Protein backbone atom coordinates (compact mmCIF):
# COMPACT_ATOMS: atom_id res chain seq x y z
CA MET A 1 81.92 41.32 291.74
CA ASN A 2 82.29 44.98 292.76
CA TYR A 3 84.87 47.23 290.96
CA ARG A 4 86.98 50.05 292.04
CA ALA A 5 89.09 52.69 289.99
CA LEU A 6 92.67 51.92 289.52
CA GLY A 7 94.03 55.50 290.57
CA SER A 8 94.13 57.67 287.52
CA THR A 9 94.98 54.92 284.96
CA GLY A 10 91.05 55.12 283.74
CA TYR A 11 90.62 51.32 284.44
CA LYS A 12 87.77 50.04 286.71
CA VAL A 13 89.02 46.71 288.03
CA SER A 14 87.60 44.02 289.98
CA GLU A 15 88.45 44.48 293.93
CA ILE A 16 89.13 40.80 293.74
CA SER A 17 91.55 40.10 291.07
CA PHE A 18 94.03 37.60 290.13
CA GLY A 19 97.70 37.19 291.13
CA ALA A 20 99.53 34.95 288.56
CA TRP A 21 102.81 34.16 290.52
CA ALA A 22 101.40 30.52 291.57
CA ILE A 23 100.83 29.56 287.86
CA GLY A 24 104.04 30.66 286.94
CA GLY A 25 106.12 28.54 289.43
CA SER A 26 107.74 28.96 293.03
CA TRP A 27 104.44 27.62 294.54
CA GLY A 28 105.35 23.89 293.92
CA THR A 29 104.04 21.62 291.15
CA VAL A 30 101.70 23.53 288.66
CA ASP A 31 99.82 22.03 285.63
CA ASP A 32 98.90 24.23 282.86
CA SER A 33 95.44 23.14 282.07
CA GLU A 34 94.58 23.56 285.62
CA SER A 35 96.13 26.63 285.57
CA MET A 36 93.84 27.63 282.37
CA ALA A 37 90.92 26.28 284.31
CA ALA A 38 91.72 28.70 287.27
CA LEU A 39 92.15 31.63 284.92
CA HIS A 40 88.84 30.67 283.15
CA GLN A 41 87.11 30.57 286.53
CA ALA A 42 88.38 34.00 287.38
CA ILE A 43 86.91 35.56 284.13
CA ASP A 44 83.60 33.77 285.14
CA SER A 45 83.59 35.24 288.58
CA GLY A 46 83.95 38.77 287.15
CA VAL A 47 87.61 39.24 287.44
CA ASN A 48 88.98 41.61 284.79
CA PHE A 49 92.27 42.53 285.99
CA ILE A 50 95.24 40.02 286.26
CA ASP A 51 98.61 40.53 287.61
CA THR A 52 101.80 38.64 286.46
CA ALA A 53 105.63 39.38 286.01
CA ASP A 54 108.01 38.40 283.39
CA VAL A 55 110.02 36.32 285.88
CA TYR A 56 107.02 34.02 286.85
CA GLY A 57 108.28 30.95 285.27
CA MET A 58 110.38 33.10 282.80
CA GLY A 59 107.43 34.06 280.55
CA ARG A 60 105.10 31.00 281.56
CA SER A 61 102.69 32.99 283.58
CA GLU A 62 102.40 35.67 280.64
CA ARG A 63 101.85 33.17 277.91
CA LEU A 64 99.12 31.56 279.79
CA ILE A 65 97.47 34.85 280.07
CA ALA A 66 97.99 35.34 276.38
CA GLN A 67 96.07 32.03 275.74
CA LEU A 68 93.19 33.19 278.04
CA LYS A 69 92.89 36.34 276.06
CA ARG A 70 92.51 34.50 272.98
CA GLU A 71 90.14 32.31 274.37
CA ARG A 72 87.74 34.91 276.17
CA LYS A 73 85.86 37.96 274.46
CA GLU A 74 85.91 39.96 277.77
CA GLU A 75 88.06 42.76 278.11
CA ILE A 76 91.15 41.88 280.72
CA VAL A 77 93.49 44.60 281.98
CA VAL A 78 96.86 42.68 282.39
CA ALA A 79 99.63 44.19 284.70
CA THR A 80 103.25 42.64 284.47
CA LYS A 81 106.41 43.33 286.16
CA ALA A 82 110.03 43.92 285.03
CA GLY A 83 113.48 44.10 286.63
CA ARG A 84 113.79 40.71 288.77
CA ARG A 85 115.37 39.09 285.63
CA LEU A 86 118.63 40.92 286.30
CA SER A 87 121.36 38.80 287.64
CA PRO A 88 122.82 40.31 289.62
CA HIS A 89 119.71 42.31 290.71
CA THR A 90 121.24 45.84 291.06
CA ALA A 91 120.05 49.45 290.56
CA GLU A 92 122.38 49.82 287.96
CA GLY A 93 120.63 46.94 285.95
CA TYR A 94 117.56 49.36 285.72
CA ASN A 95 118.61 51.14 282.81
CA GLU A 96 116.69 51.97 279.70
CA ALA A 97 118.25 49.38 277.42
CA ASN A 98 117.60 46.74 279.76
CA LEU A 99 113.99 47.90 280.69
CA THR A 100 113.39 48.07 276.87
CA GLY A 101 114.33 44.57 276.43
CA PHE A 102 112.14 43.47 279.24
CA ILE A 103 109.21 45.16 277.86
CA GLU A 104 109.55 43.78 274.31
CA ASP A 105 109.83 40.22 275.84
CA SER A 106 106.61 40.85 277.78
CA LEU A 107 104.89 42.35 274.71
CA ARG A 108 105.75 39.11 272.75
CA ASN A 109 104.68 36.93 275.69
CA LEU A 110 101.44 38.58 276.07
CA GLU A 111 100.70 38.92 272.28
CA VAL A 112 100.23 42.41 272.44
CA ASP A 113 101.18 45.79 271.07
CA CYS A 114 101.26 47.60 274.22
CA LEU A 115 101.14 46.66 277.73
CA ASP A 116 98.50 48.01 280.03
CA LEU A 117 100.21 48.46 283.04
CA VAL A 118 104.20 48.01 283.77
CA GLN A 119 105.52 47.69 287.41
CA LEU A 120 109.15 47.89 288.44
CA HIS A 121 109.41 44.55 290.43
CA CYS A 122 110.70 45.37 293.82
CA PRO A 123 113.87 47.24 292.64
CA PRO A 124 116.60 48.05 295.14
CA THR A 125 115.91 50.92 297.17
CA ALA A 126 118.61 53.07 295.14
CA VAL A 127 116.23 52.83 292.30
CA TYR A 128 113.61 55.14 293.76
CA TYR A 129 116.30 57.79 294.13
CA SER A 130 117.10 57.55 290.12
CA PRO A 131 115.01 59.95 288.10
CA GLU A 132 116.59 58.59 284.91
CA VAL A 133 114.73 55.22 285.64
CA PHE A 134 111.40 57.03 285.64
CA GLY A 135 112.41 58.67 282.52
CA SER A 136 113.15 55.57 280.67
CA LEU A 137 109.59 54.46 281.63
CA ASP A 138 108.24 57.79 280.38
CA ARG A 139 109.96 57.50 276.85
CA LEU A 140 108.21 53.87 276.75
CA VAL A 141 104.86 55.42 277.20
CA GLU A 142 105.77 57.91 274.55
CA ALA A 143 106.83 55.25 272.28
CA GLY A 144 103.67 53.31 272.62
CA LYS A 145 105.14 50.23 274.52
CA ILE A 146 103.10 50.95 277.65
CA ARG A 147 99.98 52.62 278.85
CA ASN A 148 100.90 53.19 282.32
CA TYR A 149 103.56 52.39 285.01
CA GLY A 150 103.88 51.89 288.70
CA VAL A 151 106.21 50.11 291.03
CA SER A 152 105.99 46.78 293.26
CA VAL A 153 107.45 47.70 296.56
CA GLU A 154 108.84 45.87 299.60
CA LYS A 155 108.94 48.71 302.10
CA VAL A 156 106.33 51.55 302.95
CA GLU A 157 109.26 54.15 302.64
CA GLU A 158 109.76 52.98 299.08
CA ALA A 159 106.09 53.41 298.35
CA LEU A 160 106.35 56.86 299.67
CA LYS A 161 109.44 57.72 297.64
CA ALA A 162 107.80 56.31 294.49
CA ILE A 163 104.97 58.47 294.48
CA GLU A 164 106.91 61.37 294.43
CA PHE A 165 107.45 60.85 290.58
CA PRO A 166 104.47 62.22 288.92
CA ASN A 167 103.73 59.70 286.52
CA VAL A 168 103.54 56.68 288.82
CA LYS A 169 100.11 55.46 288.66
CA THR A 170 100.07 52.44 290.87
CA ILE A 171 101.86 50.94 293.84
CA GLN A 172 101.87 47.17 294.61
CA ILE A 173 102.36 46.69 298.11
CA ILE A 174 101.93 43.69 300.56
CA PHE A 175 98.98 44.34 302.62
CA ASN A 176 97.06 41.78 304.83
CA ALA A 177 95.79 41.40 308.32
CA PHE A 178 99.60 40.46 309.16
CA ARG A 179 100.98 43.50 307.41
CA LEU A 180 99.04 46.66 308.66
CA ARG A 181 101.53 49.39 308.26
CA PRO A 182 100.71 50.58 304.94
CA SER A 183 97.29 51.60 305.84
CA GLN A 184 98.87 54.39 308.05
CA LEU A 185 100.71 57.18 306.47
CA PHE A 186 101.14 55.56 302.96
CA PHE A 187 97.46 55.04 302.14
CA GLU A 188 96.69 58.83 303.15
CA GLN A 189 99.24 60.13 300.99
CA ALA A 190 98.56 57.72 298.09
CA ALA A 191 94.89 58.96 298.02
CA LYS A 192 96.04 62.40 297.85
CA LYS A 193 97.79 61.66 294.53
CA ASN A 194 95.20 59.29 293.19
CA ILE A 195 97.29 56.62 293.38
CA GLY A 196 95.90 52.88 292.48
CA ILE A 197 97.05 50.40 295.25
CA LEU A 198 97.22 46.62 294.47
CA ALA A 199 97.27 44.66 297.78
CA ARG A 200 99.87 41.48 296.99
CA VAL A 201 100.15 38.63 299.26
CA PRO A 202 96.85 39.19 300.55
CA LEU A 203 96.49 35.93 302.27
CA ALA A 204 100.00 35.73 303.72
CA SER A 205 101.34 33.08 301.38
CA GLY A 206 98.22 30.99 302.28
CA LEU A 207 98.56 31.52 306.05
CA LEU A 208 95.32 33.62 306.09
CA THR A 209 93.23 30.74 304.40
CA GLY A 210 93.40 28.80 307.63
CA LYS A 211 94.47 25.71 305.78
CA ILE A 212 98.03 25.66 306.78
CA THR A 213 99.18 23.62 309.76
CA ALA A 214 102.51 23.00 311.85
CA ASN A 215 102.25 19.67 309.80
CA SER A 216 101.98 21.18 306.38
CA GLN A 217 104.79 20.24 304.13
CA PHE A 218 105.87 22.34 300.94
CA GLU A 219 107.71 21.23 297.91
CA ASP A 220 111.26 21.95 297.12
CA SER A 221 110.10 24.34 294.41
CA ASP A 222 107.91 26.24 296.85
CA HIS A 223 109.07 29.41 298.13
CA ARG A 224 107.39 28.76 301.49
CA LYS A 225 110.15 26.05 301.90
CA PHE A 226 113.13 27.44 299.90
CA ASN A 227 112.50 31.12 300.98
CA ARG A 228 111.30 30.81 304.63
CA HIS A 229 114.15 33.03 305.87
CA GLY A 230 114.73 35.24 302.89
CA GLU A 231 117.40 32.94 301.23
CA ARG A 232 116.40 33.57 297.81
CA PHE A 233 114.52 36.90 298.00
CA ASP A 234 112.91 39.39 300.46
CA GLN A 235 111.62 37.29 303.55
CA GLY A 236 108.65 39.64 303.66
CA GLU A 237 107.39 37.80 300.55
CA THR A 238 106.96 34.63 302.28
CA PHE A 239 104.26 34.23 305.13
CA SER A 240 104.47 38.14 305.14
CA GLY A 241 107.91 37.76 307.00
CA VAL A 242 105.93 36.58 310.02
CA ASP A 243 107.56 33.53 312.27
CA PHE A 244 105.74 30.35 311.15
CA GLU A 245 104.62 29.28 314.69
CA THR A 246 103.52 32.65 315.90
CA ALA A 247 101.38 33.12 312.73
CA LEU A 248 99.86 29.75 313.32
CA GLN A 249 98.62 30.95 316.78
CA ALA A 250 97.68 34.29 315.29
CA VAL A 251 95.54 32.47 312.66
CA ASP A 252 93.92 30.14 315.36
CA GLU A 253 93.12 33.24 317.41
CA MET A 254 91.47 34.92 314.43
CA ARG A 255 89.39 31.96 313.11
CA ALA A 256 86.85 32.74 316.31
CA LEU A 257 86.05 36.19 314.34
CA VAL A 258 85.12 34.38 310.97
CA PRO A 259 81.20 34.50 310.54
CA GLU A 260 79.49 31.19 310.02
CA GLY A 261 79.43 30.18 306.34
CA VAL A 262 82.38 32.46 305.30
CA SER A 263 85.88 30.93 304.61
CA MET A 264 88.84 32.48 306.24
CA ALA A 265 90.31 33.28 303.06
CA GLN A 266 87.13 35.11 302.35
CA PHE A 267 87.10 36.68 305.65
CA ALA A 268 90.86 37.99 305.13
CA LEU A 269 90.21 39.31 301.89
CA ARG A 270 87.12 40.92 302.97
CA TRP A 271 89.27 42.99 306.04
CA ILE A 272 91.60 44.07 303.08
CA LEU A 273 88.51 45.47 301.11
CA MET A 274 87.38 47.27 304.28
CA HIS A 275 89.95 49.87 303.22
CA PRO A 276 88.83 52.22 300.69
CA ALA A 277 92.43 53.25 299.59
CA ILE A 278 92.62 49.79 298.08
CA SER A 279 92.05 49.28 294.54
CA CYS A 280 92.10 45.48 294.29
CA ALA A 281 93.48 42.59 296.18
CA ILE A 282 95.25 40.06 293.88
CA PRO A 283 95.19 36.46 295.56
CA GLY A 284 96.70 33.67 293.69
CA GLY A 285 94.70 30.64 292.78
CA LYS A 286 96.33 27.17 291.34
CA ASN A 287 92.78 25.77 290.79
CA PRO A 288 89.14 26.71 290.12
CA ALA A 289 87.83 25.91 293.59
CA GLN A 290 90.39 28.49 295.26
CA VAL A 291 89.78 31.11 292.78
CA LYS A 292 85.82 30.92 293.08
CA ASP A 293 86.26 30.78 296.89
CA ASN A 294 88.30 33.99 296.90
CA CYS A 295 86.06 35.86 294.32
CA ALA A 296 83.06 35.30 296.71
CA ALA A 297 84.75 37.70 299.11
CA SER A 298 83.61 40.64 297.17
CA GLY A 299 80.11 39.93 297.72
CA LEU A 300 79.98 39.58 301.40
CA PRO A 301 78.67 42.20 303.73
CA PRO A 302 81.14 44.71 305.43
CA LEU A 303 82.81 43.14 308.61
CA THR A 304 81.79 44.70 312.03
CA GLU A 305 83.74 47.02 314.07
CA ALA A 306 84.38 44.60 316.75
CA ALA A 307 85.98 42.23 313.98
CA MET A 308 88.18 44.89 312.60
CA ALA A 309 89.26 45.85 316.19
CA ALA A 310 89.87 42.34 317.04
CA VAL A 311 92.25 41.80 313.99
CA ALA A 312 94.08 45.04 314.80
CA ARG A 313 94.56 43.62 318.53
CA ILE A 314 95.72 40.32 317.41
CA TYR A 315 98.40 42.11 314.87
CA ASP A 316 99.59 44.40 317.97
CA GLN A 317 99.93 41.65 320.06
CA ARG A 318 101.53 38.82 318.03
CA ILE A 319 102.61 40.33 314.58
CA SER A 320 103.55 43.95 314.99
CA PRO A 321 106.75 43.26 316.92
CA LEU A 322 108.22 40.95 314.10
CA VAL A 323 107.38 42.96 311.12
CA HIS A 324 105.98 46.48 311.61
CA HIS A 325 109.44 48.00 311.94
CA ARG A 326 110.65 46.22 309.04
CA TRP A 327 108.55 46.89 306.07
């Protein structure tokens, strides 16, 4: 496993880390014992950074991570998120009282006195124009409740606005072979300010594993069924917002680029790591085999210029018209 600086936080994190959405819920049936095995496999594979959120299973994911930390001696940096528990999810809800309450809940769930990294969880766009929200986070840092804070965003424009606030340390953004726009202006601006970048949805909700087919069935509790068209939250969170049939066609075309002995998921993750602005990719994993396969991407040789150009061509021809202008 290789490690990269997480912006100006002082942390060096595994470039393939662990996204803990799936072990909390919204990805079909999950079993806590299997989730714990997946988490232990991550640490065994050199992962030292886990990304979660209070809303993933309403604390379930955070509590599993607390159990992991009790069972392991390695230093593990944990990032969590706050804000999506608001109902309704409005900009006005991102006030100091609510944020403080969310932080206190995460402190209890994770069994710590101070959170390593807190990220606003895809807040409404108006929040990025509310200095008082970021002032509240500054006061939580001063109070010793959190060490660092950042924002998980939906859109590049939101990311660019967020990094105008001087104490924002990280941006979490969807970035994968089906979502190239962040690598343009945003990566350049983030580098100037030493912002840590977490690449979320790195496998496009499983599409870029190459294992999903036109006949794949998803459980009612899986967002790949209930949020296909943005019914519950932003459509871009599911399959990166790409039309399912179009995405499968693009995946089939991309298969020819995958070197022998490399899984498609590893290829997709290695593609992300070819971008030096990225601090880490955070694929999920519901079982140890998935986690082990994902983590092996860190040890792969660089992709060829021809492969990188081919991915860009597939994106430009098939994907860009559907997503580039939206996120």
